[in-house]
Amino acid sequence: MKLSKRLQDIVLALPLKEGTRVLEIGCGPGAMAREISRHIVKGHILAIDRSAKAIQQAVTGSQSEISRGNLSYRHVAIEKFELKPEEQLFDLAVAVRVGSLDGRHPEIESQSLRNIAKALKKDGKLYLDGGNPLKEIKLTKYRKNG
């Protein structure tokens, strides 16, 4: 499946390198997650979505990346997301068109940003669509000692 120019621009704007660990929030059918997995080779991308149907489509369309071991999916909303005990922190998080982060639901947004901050390394960054093509969201006030 071909990636739209908009999503391609977003992937190219991310500071990806071999070995990067990425959390994609609101992955839908997984097109961007598959593209990111090609850029991080030995890294890992965990792509999450609140829609079980989207996750099912993503898994179905990503068998080669999943079998390579650098892409996994989880059915969970970001405001309920927690790292599993064996999971390492992520270098960055990216969200494109995610309702819980668009400012319309302040309570859900605060919880989501706290969860993202907990899942990222100390210097980890969150990128949202809406910049040119991305904007970084500062997480300082959501970090434990921030």
Protein backbone atom coordinates (compact mmCIF):
# COMPACT_ATOMS: atom_id res chain seq x y z
CA MET A 1 0.00 0.00 0.00
CA LYS A 2 1.41 3.37 -1.07
CA LEU A 3 1.88 6.04 1.58
CA SER A 4 0.24 9.41 0.97
CA LYS A 5 2.59 12.36 0.34
CA ARG A 6 1.44 13.89 3.62
CA LEU A 7 2.39 10.79 5.65
CA GLN A 8 5.61 10.37 3.66
CA ASP A 9 6.57 13.97 4.53
CA ILE A 10 5.82 13.28 8.21
CA VAL A 11 7.98 10.12 8.23
CA LEU A 12 10.85 12.00 6.55
CA ALA A 13 10.55 14.86 9.09
CA LEU A 14 10.93 12.51 12.08
CA PRO A 15 14.46 12.18 13.52
CA LEU A 16 14.65 8.47 12.67
CA LYS A 17 17.85 6.49 12.57
CA GLU A 18 18.78 2.85 12.83
CA GLY A 19 17.90 1.62 16.30
CA THR A 20 15.29 4.29 17.14
CA ARG A 21 12.36 3.18 19.29
CA VAL A 22 9.08 4.79 18.17
CA LEU A 23 5.59 4.87 19.67
CA GLU A 24 2.97 5.66 17.03
CA ILE A 25 -0.35 6.77 18.48
CA GLY A 26 -3.45 6.26 16.36
CA CYS A 27 -1.85 4.06 13.72
CA GLY A 28 -5.04 3.20 11.83
CA PRO A 29 -4.34 0.47 9.25
CA GLY A 30 -0.57 0.73 9.82
CA ALA A 31 0.73 2.36 6.64
CA MET A 32 2.93 4.90 8.44
CA ALA A 33 4.11 2.30 10.98
CA ARG A 34 5.31 0.05 8.14
CA GLU A 35 7.18 2.96 6.54
CA ILE A 36 8.79 3.96 9.85
CA SER A 37 9.88 0.34 10.39
CA ARG A 38 11.86 0.54 7.12
CA HIS A 39 13.78 3.58 8.42
CA ILE A 40 14.73 2.23 11.87
CA VAL A 41 15.94 -1.25 10.82
CA LYS A 42 17.15 -2.58 14.19
CA GLY A 43 14.90 -0.25 16.17
CA HIS A 44 11.30 -0.95 17.05
CA ILE A 45 7.96 0.71 16.47
CA LEU A 46 4.97 0.00 18.66
CA ALA A 47 1.86 1.28 16.91
CA ILE A 48 -1.34 1.61 18.93
CA ASP A 49 -4.93 2.42 18.08
CA ARG A 50 -8.22 2.49 19.99
CA SER A 51 -9.96 0.69 17.10
CA ALA A 52 -9.78 -3.11 17.16
CA LYS A 53 -10.67 -3.16 13.46
CA ALA A 54 -7.78 -0.82 12.59
CA ILE A 55 -5.33 -2.98 14.57
CA GLN A 56 -6.63 -6.10 12.84
CA GLN A 57 -6.10 -4.46 9.42
CA ALA A 58 -2.64 -3.24 10.47
CA VAL A 59 -1.53 -6.68 11.65
CA THR A 60 -2.87 -8.31 8.48
CA GLY A 61 -1.00 -5.85 6.28
CA SER A 62 2.26 -5.92 8.24
CA GLN A 63 3.18 -9.59 8.47
CA SER A 64 6.69 -9.22 7.00
CA GLU A 65 7.58 -6.30 9.33
CA ILE A 66 6.13 -8.10 12.35
CA SER A 67 8.09 -11.26 11.52
CA ARG A 68 11.28 -9.16 11.21
CA GLY A 69 10.65 -8.13 14.80
CA ASN A 70 10.79 -4.36 14.47
CA LEU A 71 7.04 -3.63 14.40
CA SER A 72 4.29 -4.56 16.81
CA TYR A 73 0.73 -3.40 17.35
CA ARG A 74 -1.45 -3.03 20.40
CA HIS A 75 -5.16 -2.36 20.69
CA VAL A 76 -5.34 0.41 23.31
CA ALA A 77 -6.39 4.05 23.57
CA ILE A 78 -3.51 6.41 24.45
CA GLU A 79 -5.29 7.65 27.58
CA LYS A 80 -5.23 4.03 28.85
CA PHE A 81 -1.76 3.13 27.51
CA GLU A 82 0.97 1.82 29.81
CA LEU A 83 4.30 0.25 29.03
CA LYS A 84 4.47 -3.44 29.82
CA PRO A 85 7.12 -4.29 32.45
CA GLU A 86 9.47 -5.83 29.85
CA GLU A 87 9.16 -2.91 27.40
CA GLN A 88 11.94 -0.36 27.02
CA LEU A 89 11.25 3.37 26.86
CA PHE A 90 10.78 5.01 23.47
CA ASP A 91 12.97 7.66 21.81
CA LEU A 92 10.00 9.44 20.28
CA ALA A 93 6.26 9.35 19.85
CA VAL A 94 4.25 10.50 16.85
CA ALA A 95 0.51 11.08 16.47
CA VAL A 96 -1.34 12.12 13.32
CA ARG A 97 -4.99 13.16 13.56
CA VAL A 98 -5.52 11.80 17.06
CA GLY A 99 -8.71 13.12 18.69
CA SER A 100 -7.51 12.71 22.27
CA LEU A 101 -4.61 15.11 21.50
CA ASP A 102 -6.44 17.77 19.47
CA GLY A 103 -7.48 20.01 22.35
CA ARG A 104 -11.19 19.18 22.34
CA HIS A 105 -11.04 16.90 25.40
CA PRO A 106 -8.67 18.53 27.96
CA GLU A 107 -9.04 15.80 30.61
CA ILE A 108 -8.34 12.96 28.17
CA GLU A 109 -5.54 15.00 26.61
CA SER A 110 -3.80 15.53 29.97
CA GLN A 111 -3.98 11.82 30.79
CA SER A 112 -2.73 10.95 27.30
CA LEU A 113 0.22 13.35 27.56
CA ARG A 114 1.15 11.94 31.00
CA ASN A 115 1.09 8.41 29.56
CA ILE A 116 3.23 9.47 26.60
CA ALA A 117 5.74 11.21 28.90
CA LYS A 118 6.02 8.01 31.00
CA ALA A 119 6.65 5.90 27.89
CA LEU A 120 9.46 8.11 26.56
CA LYS A 121 13.10 8.36 27.54
CA LYS A 122 14.03 11.48 29.51
CA ASP A 123 14.93 13.33 26.32
CA GLY A 124 12.19 11.66 24.26
CA LYS A 125 10.04 13.88 22.07
CA LEU A 126 6.40 13.90 20.98
CA TYR A 127 5.54 15.02 17.45
CA LEU A 128 2.04 15.86 16.22
CA ASP A 129 0.78 16.75 12.78
CA GLY A 130 -0.10 20.39 12.28
CA GLY A 131 3.33 21.89 11.86
CA ASN A 132 5.20 21.92 8.59
CA PRO A 133 4.63 18.92 8.56
CA LEU A 134 5.16 18.28 12.29
CA LYS A 135 5.27 20.19 15.54
CA GLU A 136 6.96 19.08 18.73
CA ILE A 137 4.83 19.11 21.87
CA LYS A 138 6.80 19.85 25.05
CA LEU A 139 6.14 17.30 27.77
CA THR A 140 8.02 19.01 30.62
CA LYS A 141 4.95 19.57 32.78
CA TYR A 142 3.80 15.96 32.28
CA ARG A 143 7.08 14.38 33.35
CA LYS A 144 7.42 13.30 36.99
CA ASN A 145 10.10 15.84 37.89
CA GLY A 146 9.09 18.34 35.21
